[in-house]
N, C-alpha and C. Protein backbone atom coordinates (compact mmCIF):
# COMPACT_ATOMS: atom_id res chain seq x y z
N UNK A 1 31.68 -0.49 4.90
CA UNK A 1 30.89 -1.60 4.37
C UNK A 1 31.75 -2.75 3.86
N UNK A 2 33.06 -2.58 3.82
CA UNK A 2 33.91 -3.66 3.35
C UNK A 2 33.75 -3.91 1.88
N UNK A 3 34.05 -2.89 1.02
CA UNK A 3 33.90 -3.05 -0.42
C UNK A 3 32.60 -2.41 -0.87
N UNK A 4 32.60 -1.99 -2.14
CA UNK A 4 31.44 -1.30 -2.67
C UNK A 4 30.41 -2.31 -3.15
N UNK A 5 29.61 -2.78 -2.22
CA UNK A 5 28.56 -3.75 -2.54
C UNK A 5 27.31 -3.41 -1.75
N UNK A 6 26.20 -3.81 -2.28
CA UNK A 6 24.93 -3.66 -1.57
C UNK A 6 24.12 -4.90 -1.87
N UNK A 7 23.84 -5.69 -0.86
CA UNK A 7 23.14 -6.96 -1.06
C UNK A 7 21.80 -6.97 -0.35
N UNK A 8 20.97 -7.91 -0.76
CA UNK A 8 19.67 -8.07 -0.13
C UNK A 8 19.84 -8.40 1.36
N UNK A 9 20.86 -9.21 1.68
CA UNK A 9 21.09 -9.57 3.08
C UNK A 9 21.40 -8.33 3.92
N UNK A 10 22.19 -7.42 3.35
CA UNK A 10 22.51 -6.19 4.07
C UNK A 10 21.26 -5.34 4.29
N UNK A 11 20.45 -5.22 3.25
CA UNK A 11 19.22 -4.44 3.37
C UNK A 11 18.26 -5.07 4.37
N UNK A 12 18.13 -6.40 4.29
CA UNK A 12 17.24 -7.10 5.23
C UNK A 12 17.70 -6.88 6.67
N UNK A 13 19.00 -6.99 6.90
CA UNK A 13 19.54 -6.84 8.26
C UNK A 13 19.31 -5.43 8.80
N UNK A 14 19.28 -4.46 7.90
CA UNK A 14 19.08 -3.06 8.32
C UNK A 14 17.61 -2.66 8.32
N UNK A 15 16.72 -3.62 7.99
CA UNK A 15 15.29 -3.32 7.95
C UNK A 15 14.89 -2.45 6.77
N UNK A 16 15.66 -2.57 5.67
CA UNK A 16 15.40 -1.79 4.46
C UNK A 16 14.92 -2.74 3.38
N UNK A 17 13.97 -2.31 2.58
CA UNK A 17 13.43 -3.16 1.54
C UNK A 17 14.22 -3.09 0.25
N UNK A 18 13.76 -3.82 -0.76
CA UNK A 18 14.41 -3.83 -2.07
C UNK A 18 14.34 -2.46 -2.73
N UNK A 19 13.32 -1.67 -2.35
CA UNK A 19 13.22 -0.29 -2.83
C UNK A 19 13.63 0.63 -1.69
N UNK A 20 14.40 1.63 -2.01
CA UNK A 20 14.91 2.49 -0.94
C UNK A 20 15.29 3.86 -1.48
N UNK A 21 15.44 4.81 -0.57
CA UNK A 21 15.91 6.15 -0.89
C UNK A 21 17.37 6.28 -0.43
N UNK A 22 18.12 7.22 -0.99
CA UNK A 22 19.53 7.38 -0.57
C UNK A 22 19.69 7.52 0.93
N UNK A 23 18.78 8.24 1.58
CA UNK A 23 18.89 8.42 3.04
C UNK A 23 18.76 7.11 3.80
N UNK A 24 18.03 6.14 3.20
CA UNK A 24 17.82 4.86 3.88
C UNK A 24 19.12 4.06 4.03
N UNK A 25 20.03 4.21 3.07
CA UNK A 25 21.26 3.41 3.11
C UNK A 25 22.45 4.16 3.71
N UNK A 26 22.23 5.38 4.14
CA UNK A 26 23.30 6.12 4.81
C UNK A 26 23.83 5.39 6.05
N UNK A 27 22.94 4.77 6.88
CA UNK A 27 23.45 4.03 8.05
C UNK A 27 24.35 2.86 7.68
N UNK A 28 24.28 2.41 6.43
CA UNK A 28 25.15 1.31 5.98
C UNK A 28 26.50 1.83 5.49
N UNK A 29 26.68 3.15 5.60
CA UNK A 29 27.94 3.73 5.14
C UNK A 29 27.97 3.97 3.65
N UNK A 30 26.80 3.99 3.02
CA UNK A 30 26.71 4.16 1.57
C UNK A 30 26.42 5.62 1.24
N UNK A 31 27.40 6.30 0.66
CA UNK A 31 27.20 7.70 0.27
C UNK A 31 26.42 7.76 -1.04
N UNK A 32 25.92 8.94 -1.35
CA UNK A 32 25.18 9.10 -2.60
C UNK A 32 26.08 8.83 -3.80
N UNK A 33 27.34 9.26 -3.72
CA UNK A 33 28.29 9.02 -4.81
C UNK A 33 28.52 7.53 -5.02
N UNK A 34 28.64 6.80 -3.92
CA UNK A 34 28.83 5.35 -4.02
C UNK A 34 27.59 4.68 -4.60
N UNK A 35 26.42 5.20 -4.21
CA UNK A 35 25.16 4.66 -4.74
C UNK A 35 25.11 4.84 -6.26
N UNK A 36 25.56 5.99 -6.73
CA UNK A 36 25.57 6.23 -8.17
C UNK A 36 26.51 5.27 -8.89
N UNK A 37 27.62 4.92 -8.24
CA UNK A 37 28.54 3.95 -8.84
C UNK A 37 27.88 2.58 -8.96
N UNK A 38 27.06 2.21 -7.98
CA UNK A 38 26.34 0.93 -8.05
C UNK A 38 25.29 0.95 -9.16
N UNK A 39 24.70 2.14 -9.38
CA UNK A 39 23.76 2.28 -10.51
C UNK A 39 24.52 2.09 -11.82
N UNK A 40 25.69 2.69 -11.90
CA UNK A 40 26.49 2.58 -13.13
C UNK A 40 26.89 1.15 -13.44
N UNK A 41 27.19 0.35 -12.38
CA UNK A 41 27.61 -1.03 -12.65
C UNK A 41 26.43 -2.01 -12.74
N UNK A 42 25.20 -1.49 -12.55
CA UNK A 42 24.02 -2.31 -12.77
C UNK A 42 23.51 -3.08 -11.57
N UNK A 43 24.16 -2.98 -10.41
CA UNK A 43 23.70 -3.74 -9.25
C UNK A 43 22.53 -3.03 -8.54
N UNK A 44 22.36 -1.74 -8.84
CA UNK A 44 21.23 -0.97 -8.33
C UNK A 44 20.59 -0.24 -9.50
N UNK A 45 19.26 -0.17 -9.51
CA UNK A 45 18.54 0.53 -10.57
C UNK A 45 17.84 1.76 -9.98
N UNK A 46 17.87 2.85 -10.71
CA UNK A 46 17.08 4.01 -10.33
C UNK A 46 15.72 3.87 -10.98
N UNK A 47 14.65 3.78 -10.17
CA UNK A 47 13.32 3.51 -10.72
C UNK A 47 12.41 4.74 -10.68
N UNK A 48 12.87 5.80 -10.06
CA UNK A 48 12.07 7.02 -10.00
C UNK A 48 12.89 8.11 -9.34
N UNK A 49 12.30 9.27 -9.20
CA UNK A 49 12.99 10.39 -8.58
C UNK A 49 13.32 10.06 -7.13
N UNK A 50 14.59 9.82 -6.85
CA UNK A 50 15.01 9.55 -5.49
C UNK A 50 14.67 8.17 -4.97
N UNK A 51 14.26 7.25 -5.85
CA UNK A 51 13.91 5.89 -5.45
C UNK A 51 14.75 4.89 -6.24
N UNK A 52 15.34 3.93 -5.52
CA UNK A 52 16.24 2.95 -6.12
C UNK A 52 15.78 1.53 -5.81
N UNK A 53 16.23 0.59 -6.63
CA UNK A 53 15.86 -0.81 -6.46
C UNK A 53 17.11 -1.67 -6.55
N UNK A 54 17.22 -2.64 -5.67
CA UNK A 54 18.32 -3.58 -5.72
C UNK A 54 18.05 -4.56 -6.88
N UNK A 55 18.97 -4.63 -7.82
CA UNK A 55 18.74 -5.42 -9.03
C UNK A 55 18.53 -6.90 -8.74
N UNK A 56 19.18 -7.43 -7.69
CA UNK A 56 19.08 -8.86 -7.41
C UNK A 56 17.74 -9.27 -6.80
N UNK A 57 16.93 -8.29 -6.39
CA UNK A 57 15.63 -8.61 -5.78
C UNK A 57 14.68 -9.13 -6.85
N UNK A 58 14.09 -10.28 -6.59
CA UNK A 58 13.16 -10.89 -7.55
C UNK A 58 11.85 -10.09 -7.58
N UNK A 59 11.33 -9.77 -8.76
CA UNK A 59 10.07 -9.03 -8.85
C UNK A 59 8.90 -9.89 -8.39
N UNK A 60 7.84 -9.25 -7.94
CA UNK A 60 6.62 -9.97 -7.60
C UNK A 60 5.41 -9.13 -7.95
N UNK A 61 4.21 -9.65 -7.66
CA UNK A 61 2.97 -9.01 -8.09
C UNK A 61 2.76 -7.64 -7.46
N UNK A 62 3.38 -7.39 -6.30
CA UNK A 62 3.13 -6.13 -5.60
C UNK A 62 4.33 -5.20 -5.67
N UNK A 63 5.17 -5.40 -6.66
CA UNK A 63 6.38 -4.60 -6.78
C UNK A 63 6.07 -3.10 -6.89
N UNK A 64 5.08 -2.74 -7.69
CA UNK A 64 4.76 -1.33 -7.87
C UNK A 64 4.27 -0.71 -6.57
N UNK A 65 3.46 -1.44 -5.81
CA UNK A 65 2.98 -0.93 -4.54
C UNK A 65 4.15 -0.72 -3.58
N UNK A 66 5.07 -1.68 -3.53
CA UNK A 66 6.24 -1.55 -2.66
C UNK A 66 7.08 -0.36 -3.07
N UNK A 67 7.22 -0.15 -4.35
CA UNK A 67 8.01 0.96 -4.86
C UNK A 67 7.41 2.30 -4.45
N UNK A 68 6.10 2.43 -4.59
CA UNK A 68 5.43 3.68 -4.20
C UNK A 68 5.49 3.87 -2.68
N UNK A 69 5.29 2.79 -1.93
CA UNK A 69 5.32 2.89 -0.46
C UNK A 69 6.70 3.30 0.05
N UNK A 70 7.75 2.88 -0.64
CA UNK A 70 9.09 3.28 -0.22
C UNK A 70 9.30 4.77 -0.40
N UNK A 71 8.62 5.35 -1.40
CA UNK A 71 8.76 6.78 -1.67
C UNK A 71 7.80 7.62 -0.83
N UNK A 72 6.70 7.01 -0.38
CA UNK A 72 5.71 7.72 0.42
C UNK A 72 5.34 6.86 1.63
N UNK A 73 6.27 6.68 2.58
CA UNK A 73 6.07 5.74 3.69
C UNK A 73 4.93 6.09 4.64
N UNK A 74 4.48 7.34 4.65
CA UNK A 74 3.39 7.73 5.55
C UNK A 74 2.02 7.51 4.92
N UNK A 75 1.97 7.24 3.63
CA UNK A 75 0.70 7.04 2.95
C UNK A 75 0.14 5.65 3.26
N UNK A 76 -1.14 5.48 3.00
CA UNK A 76 -1.84 4.22 3.27
C UNK A 76 -2.37 3.66 1.95
N UNK A 77 -1.99 2.45 1.62
CA UNK A 77 -2.52 1.79 0.43
C UNK A 77 -3.98 1.42 0.72
N UNK A 78 -4.87 1.76 -0.18
CA UNK A 78 -6.30 1.60 0.11
C UNK A 78 -7.09 1.24 -1.15
N UNK A 79 -8.40 1.11 -0.95
CA UNK A 79 -9.37 0.92 -2.02
C UNK A 79 -8.96 -0.16 -3.01
N UNK A 80 -8.91 0.12 -4.31
CA UNK A 80 -8.69 -0.94 -5.30
C UNK A 80 -7.34 -1.63 -5.13
N UNK A 81 -6.32 -0.87 -4.71
CA UNK A 81 -5.01 -1.49 -4.51
C UNK A 81 -5.02 -2.42 -3.31
N UNK A 82 -5.72 -2.02 -2.24
CA UNK A 82 -5.83 -2.90 -1.07
C UNK A 82 -6.66 -4.14 -1.41
N UNK A 83 -7.70 -3.99 -2.22
CA UNK A 83 -8.48 -5.15 -2.65
C UNK A 83 -7.57 -6.16 -3.35
N UNK A 84 -6.67 -5.65 -4.19
CA UNK A 84 -5.78 -6.55 -4.92
C UNK A 84 -4.83 -7.26 -3.98
N UNK A 85 -4.27 -6.53 -3.01
CA UNK A 85 -3.35 -7.14 -2.06
C UNK A 85 -4.05 -8.25 -1.28
N UNK A 86 -5.28 -7.98 -0.86
CA UNK A 86 -6.03 -8.97 -0.06
C UNK A 86 -6.71 -10.04 -0.92
N UNK A 87 -6.57 -9.91 -2.24
CA UNK A 87 -7.19 -10.86 -3.18
C UNK A 87 -8.69 -10.93 -2.97
N UNK A 88 -9.30 -9.76 -2.94
CA UNK A 88 -10.75 -9.63 -2.82
C UNK A 88 -11.28 -9.04 -4.13
N UNK A 89 -12.26 -9.70 -4.73
CA UNK A 89 -12.85 -9.19 -5.97
C UNK A 89 -11.95 -9.40 -7.17
N UNK A 90 -12.28 -8.68 -8.24
CA UNK A 90 -11.60 -8.90 -9.52
C UNK A 90 -10.87 -7.66 -10.04
N UNK A 91 -10.75 -6.64 -9.22
CA UNK A 91 -10.14 -5.40 -9.68
C UNK A 91 -8.62 -5.56 -9.87
N UNK A 92 -8.12 -4.93 -10.93
CA UNK A 92 -6.67 -4.93 -11.19
C UNK A 92 -6.29 -3.51 -11.62
N UNK A 93 -6.17 -2.62 -10.67
CA UNK A 93 -5.95 -1.20 -10.99
C UNK A 93 -4.60 -0.94 -11.66
N UNK A 94 -4.60 0.07 -12.54
CA UNK A 94 -3.38 0.45 -13.23
C UNK A 94 -2.66 1.60 -12.53
N UNK A 95 -3.14 1.96 -11.37
CA UNK A 95 -2.50 2.98 -10.54
C UNK A 95 -2.60 2.53 -9.09
N UNK A 96 -1.77 3.08 -8.26
CA UNK A 96 -1.78 2.72 -6.84
C UNK A 96 -2.66 3.71 -6.09
N UNK A 97 -3.66 3.19 -5.39
CA UNK A 97 -4.56 4.04 -4.61
C UNK A 97 -3.93 4.27 -3.24
N UNK A 98 -3.75 5.55 -2.91
CA UNK A 98 -3.13 5.94 -1.65
C UNK A 98 -4.03 6.90 -0.89
N UNK A 99 -4.03 6.75 0.43
CA UNK A 99 -4.72 7.70 1.30
C UNK A 99 -3.67 8.47 2.09
N UNK A 100 -3.89 9.77 2.23
CA UNK A 100 -3.02 10.60 3.05
C UNK A 100 -3.86 11.45 3.97
N UNK A 101 -3.23 11.99 4.98
CA UNK A 101 -3.91 12.87 5.93
C UNK A 101 -4.56 14.03 5.19
N UNK A 102 -5.72 14.41 5.66
CA UNK A 102 -6.47 15.51 5.05
C UNK A 102 -5.63 16.78 4.93
N UNK A 103 -4.70 16.99 5.87
CA UNK A 103 -3.90 18.20 5.89
C UNK A 103 -2.51 18.03 5.25
N UNK A 104 -2.20 16.82 4.83
CA UNK A 104 -0.86 16.55 4.30
C UNK A 104 -0.73 17.02 2.86
N UNK A 105 0.51 17.31 2.49
CA UNK A 105 0.79 17.64 1.09
C UNK A 105 0.81 16.37 0.26
N UNK A 106 0.37 16.48 -0.97
CA UNK A 106 0.40 15.33 -1.87
C UNK A 106 1.86 15.00 -2.20
N UNK A 107 2.28 13.75 -2.03
CA UNK A 107 3.66 13.38 -2.35
C UNK A 107 3.99 13.68 -3.81
N UNK A 108 5.15 14.24 -4.03
CA UNK A 108 5.55 14.64 -5.38
C UNK A 108 6.53 13.63 -5.98
N UNK A 109 6.54 13.59 -7.30
CA UNK A 109 7.52 12.81 -8.07
C UNK A 109 7.56 11.35 -7.64
N UNK A 110 6.39 10.76 -7.49
CA UNK A 110 6.33 9.35 -7.12
C UNK A 110 6.70 8.49 -8.33
N UNK A 111 7.24 7.29 -8.10
CA UNK A 111 7.77 6.47 -9.19
C UNK A 111 6.73 5.69 -9.99
N UNK A 112 5.45 5.91 -9.74
CA UNK A 112 4.40 5.24 -10.50
C UNK A 112 3.13 6.09 -10.41
N UNK A 113 2.15 5.77 -11.23
CA UNK A 113 0.90 6.51 -11.20
C UNK A 113 0.12 6.19 -9.92
N UNK A 114 -0.41 7.21 -9.28
CA UNK A 114 -1.16 7.02 -8.04
C UNK A 114 -2.49 7.77 -8.12
N UNK A 115 -3.42 7.35 -7.30
CA UNK A 115 -4.69 8.04 -7.11
C UNK A 115 -4.80 8.36 -5.63
N UNK A 116 -4.96 9.62 -5.29
CA UNK A 116 -4.94 10.05 -3.91
C UNK A 116 -6.33 10.30 -3.38
N UNK A 117 -6.61 9.80 -2.16
CA UNK A 117 -7.81 10.17 -1.41
C UNK A 117 -7.35 10.67 -0.05
N UNK A 118 -8.27 11.32 0.65
CA UNK A 118 -7.92 11.92 1.94
C UNK A 118 -8.64 11.22 3.08
N UNK A 119 -7.89 10.88 4.13
CA UNK A 119 -8.46 10.35 5.36
C UNK A 119 -8.24 11.37 6.47
N UNK A 120 -9.07 11.29 7.50
CA UNK A 120 -8.88 12.15 8.67
C UNK A 120 -9.39 11.43 9.91
N UNK A 121 -9.00 11.93 11.08
CA UNK A 121 -9.48 11.38 12.34
C UNK A 121 -9.17 9.90 12.49
N UNK A 122 -10.18 9.14 12.94
CA UNK A 122 -10.00 7.70 13.16
C UNK A 122 -9.70 6.93 11.88
N UNK A 123 -10.10 7.50 10.75
CA UNK A 123 -9.86 6.82 9.48
C UNK A 123 -8.37 6.65 9.18
N UNK A 124 -7.53 7.44 9.85
CA UNK A 124 -6.09 7.34 9.65
C UNK A 124 -5.46 6.19 10.44
N UNK A 125 -6.20 5.65 11.40
CA UNK A 125 -5.62 4.62 12.27
C UNK A 125 -6.45 3.34 12.35
N UNK A 126 -7.77 3.44 12.22
CA UNK A 126 -8.60 2.25 12.42
C UNK A 126 -8.46 1.29 11.22
N UNK A 127 -8.17 0.04 11.53
CA UNK A 127 -8.08 -0.98 10.48
C UNK A 127 -6.88 -0.83 9.59
N UNK A 128 -5.84 -0.16 10.07
CA UNK A 128 -4.61 0.00 9.29
C UNK A 128 -3.59 -1.03 9.76
N UNK A 129 -3.07 -1.80 8.83
CA UNK A 129 -2.09 -2.84 9.15
C UNK A 129 -0.81 -2.56 8.37
N UNK A 130 0.26 -3.25 8.75
CA UNK A 130 1.53 -3.13 8.04
C UNK A 130 1.92 -4.49 7.47
N UNK A 131 2.25 -4.51 6.21
CA UNK A 131 2.63 -5.75 5.54
C UNK A 131 3.94 -5.54 4.79
N UNK A 132 4.80 -6.53 4.82
CA UNK A 132 6.09 -6.44 4.13
C UNK A 132 5.92 -6.86 2.67
N UNK A 133 6.37 -5.98 1.76
CA UNK A 133 6.37 -6.29 0.34
C UNK A 133 7.75 -5.95 -0.20
N UNK A 134 8.45 -6.94 -0.71
CA UNK A 134 9.82 -6.75 -1.17
C UNK A 134 10.68 -6.16 -0.06
N UNK A 135 10.35 -6.50 1.18
CA UNK A 135 11.09 -5.98 2.32
C UNK A 135 10.70 -4.58 2.73
N UNK A 136 9.78 -3.96 1.99
CA UNK A 136 9.30 -2.61 2.31
C UNK A 136 8.09 -2.72 3.22
N UNK A 137 8.07 -1.94 4.30
CA UNK A 137 6.92 -1.93 5.20
C UNK A 137 5.83 -1.06 4.59
N UNK A 138 4.74 -1.71 4.20
CA UNK A 138 3.64 -1.03 3.52
C UNK A 138 2.45 -0.93 4.45
N UNK A 139 1.95 0.27 4.65
CA UNK A 139 0.75 0.48 5.45
C UNK A 139 -0.46 0.36 4.53
N UNK A 140 -1.45 -0.41 4.95
CA UNK A 140 -2.64 -0.57 4.13
C UNK A 140 -3.85 -0.88 5.00
N UNK A 141 -5.02 -0.69 4.43
CA UNK A 141 -6.26 -1.01 5.14
C UNK A 141 -6.47 -2.51 5.16
N UNK A 142 -6.99 -3.03 6.28
CA UNK A 142 -7.26 -4.46 6.37
C UNK A 142 -8.52 -4.79 5.55
N UNK A 143 -8.85 -6.06 5.37
CA UNK A 143 -9.98 -6.41 4.50
C UNK A 143 -11.31 -5.74 4.87
N UNK A 144 -11.68 -5.77 6.15
CA UNK A 144 -12.96 -5.17 6.54
C UNK A 144 -12.97 -3.68 6.26
N UNK A 145 -11.91 -3.01 6.63
CA UNK A 145 -11.81 -1.57 6.40
C UNK A 145 -11.81 -1.25 4.91
N UNK A 146 -11.15 -2.08 4.11
CA UNK A 146 -11.11 -1.86 2.67
C UNK A 146 -12.50 -1.92 2.07
N UNK A 147 -13.28 -2.91 2.48
CA UNK A 147 -14.66 -3.02 1.99
C UNK A 147 -15.46 -1.78 2.35
N UNK A 148 -15.33 -1.34 3.58
CA UNK A 148 -16.06 -0.15 4.03
C UNK A 148 -15.65 1.08 3.22
N UNK A 149 -14.35 1.22 2.98
CA UNK A 149 -13.88 2.36 2.18
C UNK A 149 -14.44 2.32 0.77
N UNK A 150 -14.63 1.13 0.23
CA UNK A 150 -15.21 1.02 -1.11
C UNK A 150 -16.62 1.62 -1.14
N UNK A 151 -17.37 1.45 -0.06
CA UNK A 151 -18.69 2.06 0.02
C UNK A 151 -18.58 3.57 0.28
N UNK A 152 -17.61 3.98 1.08
CA UNK A 152 -17.41 5.41 1.33
C UNK A 152 -17.07 6.15 0.04
N UNK A 153 -16.29 5.50 -0.82
CA UNK A 153 -15.86 6.13 -2.07
C UNK A 153 -16.55 5.51 -3.28
N UNK A 154 -17.78 5.09 -3.09
CA UNK A 154 -18.52 4.42 -4.16
C UNK A 154 -18.72 5.34 -5.38
N UNK A 155 -18.75 6.65 -5.15
CA UNK A 155 -18.91 7.56 -6.28
C UNK A 155 -17.65 7.63 -7.14
N UNK A 156 -16.52 7.24 -6.56
CA UNK A 156 -15.26 7.23 -7.32
C UNK A 156 -15.01 5.90 -8.00
N UNK A 157 -15.38 4.79 -7.33
CA UNK A 157 -15.02 3.48 -7.88
C UNK A 157 -16.23 2.70 -8.39
N UNK A 158 -17.46 3.13 -8.03
CA UNK A 158 -18.66 2.44 -8.48
C UNK A 158 -19.27 1.55 -7.41
N UNK A 159 -20.57 1.60 -7.27
CA UNK A 159 -21.24 0.79 -6.25
C UNK A 159 -21.12 -0.69 -6.57
N UNK A 160 -21.01 -1.03 -7.87
CA UNK A 160 -20.86 -2.44 -8.23
C UNK A 160 -19.56 -3.03 -7.71
N UNK A 161 -18.51 -2.23 -7.72
CA UNK A 161 -17.22 -2.68 -7.18
C UNK A 161 -17.31 -2.87 -5.68
N UNK A 162 -17.99 -1.95 -5.00
CA UNK A 162 -18.16 -2.05 -3.55
C UNK A 162 -18.96 -3.30 -3.18
N UNK A 163 -20.03 -3.58 -3.92
CA UNK A 163 -20.86 -4.75 -3.64
C UNK A 163 -20.10 -6.05 -3.90
N UNK A 164 -19.32 -6.07 -4.98
CA UNK A 164 -18.50 -7.26 -5.26
C UNK A 164 -17.49 -7.48 -4.13
N UNK A 165 -16.87 -6.40 -3.67
CA UNK A 165 -15.88 -6.51 -2.59
C UNK A 165 -16.53 -7.06 -1.33
N UNK A 166 -17.70 -6.57 -1.00
CA UNK A 166 -18.41 -7.04 0.19
C UNK A 166 -18.73 -8.53 0.09
N UNK A 167 -19.33 -8.92 -1.02
CA UNK A 167 -19.72 -10.33 -1.19
C UNK A 167 -18.50 -11.25 -1.15
N UNK A 168 -17.43 -10.86 -1.85
CA UNK A 168 -16.26 -11.73 -1.94
C UNK A 168 -15.50 -11.79 -0.62
N UNK A 169 -15.43 -10.67 0.09
CA UNK A 169 -14.73 -10.66 1.38
C UNK A 169 -15.39 -11.60 2.37
N UNK A 170 -16.72 -11.58 2.41
CA UNK A 170 -17.46 -12.44 3.34
C UNK A 170 -17.41 -13.89 2.87
N UNK A 171 -17.60 -14.11 1.57
CA UNK A 171 -17.60 -15.48 1.04
C UNK A 171 -16.25 -16.16 1.26
N UNK A 172 -15.17 -15.42 1.06
CA UNK A 172 -13.83 -15.99 1.18
C UNK A 172 -13.32 -15.95 2.63
N UNK A 173 -14.13 -15.41 3.51
CA UNK A 173 -13.79 -15.30 4.93
C UNK A 173 -12.58 -14.41 5.18
N UNK A 174 -12.36 -13.46 4.28
CA UNK A 174 -11.31 -12.47 4.52
C UNK A 174 -11.76 -11.47 5.59
N UNK A 175 -13.07 -11.30 5.71
CA UNK A 175 -13.64 -10.42 6.74
C UNK A 175 -15.03 -10.93 7.09
N UNK A 176 -15.42 -10.79 8.35
CA UNK A 176 -16.74 -11.22 8.78
C UNK A 176 -17.71 -10.06 8.69
N UNK A 177 -19.00 -10.38 8.72
CA UNK A 177 -20.04 -9.35 8.70
C UNK A 177 -19.88 -8.43 9.90
N UNK A 178 -19.57 -8.99 11.06
CA UNK A 178 -19.43 -8.16 12.27
C UNK A 178 -18.22 -7.23 12.17
N UNK A 179 -17.12 -7.71 11.58
CA UNK A 179 -15.93 -6.86 11.41
C UNK A 179 -16.23 -5.70 10.46
N UNK A 180 -16.94 -6.00 9.40
CA UNK A 180 -17.30 -4.95 8.44
C UNK A 180 -18.28 -3.96 9.07
N UNK A 181 -19.23 -4.48 9.84
CA UNK A 181 -20.20 -3.62 10.51
C UNK A 181 -19.50 -2.67 11.49
N UNK A 182 -18.53 -3.19 12.24
CA UNK A 182 -17.80 -2.36 13.19
C UNK A 182 -16.99 -1.29 12.47
N UNK A 183 -16.32 -1.67 11.39
CA UNK A 183 -15.55 -0.69 10.61
C UNK A 183 -16.47 0.38 10.02
N UNK A 184 -17.65 -0.03 9.58
CA UNK A 184 -18.61 0.92 9.03
C UNK A 184 -19.08 1.91 10.09
N UNK A 185 -19.23 1.41 11.33
CA UNK A 185 -19.63 2.29 12.42
C UNK A 185 -18.55 3.33 12.71
N UNK A 186 -17.31 2.89 12.79
CA UNK A 186 -16.20 3.81 13.06
C UNK A 186 -16.07 4.84 11.93
N UNK A 187 -16.28 4.39 10.71
CA UNK A 187 -16.12 5.27 9.54
C UNK A 187 -17.39 6.04 9.20
N UNK A 188 -18.41 5.89 10.04
CA UNK A 188 -19.66 6.65 9.92
C UNK A 188 -20.37 6.44 8.58
N UNK A 189 -20.44 5.18 8.17
CA UNK A 189 -21.16 4.87 6.94
C UNK A 189 -22.05 3.65 7.14
N UNK A 190 -22.37 3.40 8.38
CA UNK A 190 -23.14 2.20 8.72
C UNK A 190 -24.51 2.20 8.06
N UNK A 191 -25.17 3.35 8.01
CA UNK A 191 -26.52 3.39 7.43
C UNK A 191 -26.50 3.05 5.94
N UNK A 192 -25.41 3.34 5.28
CA UNK A 192 -25.30 3.04 3.84
C UNK A 192 -25.07 1.56 3.61
N UNK A 193 -24.17 0.98 4.39
CA UNK A 193 -23.76 -0.40 4.14
C UNK A 193 -24.66 -1.44 4.82
N UNK A 194 -25.41 -1.03 5.84
CA UNK A 194 -26.19 -1.99 6.62
C UNK A 194 -27.19 -2.80 5.79
N UNK A 195 -27.94 -2.19 4.85
CA UNK A 195 -28.86 -3.01 4.05
C UNK A 195 -28.16 -4.12 3.28
N UNK A 196 -26.97 -3.85 2.81
CA UNK A 196 -26.22 -4.87 2.06
C UNK A 196 -25.74 -5.97 3.00
N UNK A 197 -25.35 -5.59 4.22
CA UNK A 197 -24.93 -6.59 5.21
C UNK A 197 -26.12 -7.46 5.62
N UNK A 198 -27.27 -6.84 5.81
CA UNK A 198 -28.47 -7.60 6.19
C UNK A 198 -28.88 -8.57 5.10
N UNK A 199 -28.72 -8.16 3.84
CA UNK A 199 -29.06 -9.05 2.73
C UNK A 199 -28.14 -10.27 2.71
N UNK A 200 -26.86 -10.05 3.06
CA UNK A 200 -25.91 -11.17 3.10
C UNK A 200 -26.24 -12.13 4.22
N UNK A 201 -26.71 -11.57 5.34
CA UNK A 201 -26.98 -12.39 6.51
C UNK A 201 -28.34 -13.08 6.47
N UNK A 202 -29.16 -12.68 5.54
CA UNK A 202 -30.53 -13.22 5.47
C UNK A 202 -30.52 -14.70 5.08
């Protein structure tokens, strides 16, 4: 690496975000012992079990989501956390909502509080997008899918939250009625959400 340094430019060039695991920087020639030396000199911070942050990276509103996604890259950011990312509604959750495969083990020792739900079948792939946050590739539900999931999990988050998400997504043009209707069909909740969609279209 040409000296014991780790910079944002190096991480960006290697496709690594501001949050990373020791295994992520191995291709840069950074051993675990060297990583610990960078922690000692303050250029890298340990933010959780096995998760590190480059100190020079400027914080932003989605830092916690990026941090969790770096520790659980296969998980999908969803529901209230996805609403916040897409700026839909007024929710500001104090935990990161994650979806994992129905058969997957719950990620352990994550660096922030999380709320886990289970997806299966098409729900694991339909309406899932990837967005960069602090250089971390974060998988999350798109706006239409997020609204539909709010109705699917209305018993967990409240029907009022789901209705607000629907109204705001359509009003702000983050998602169209047809996009939401299609996502509802794929997720097999069309009969539940259709009356609300018809009321919006009336």
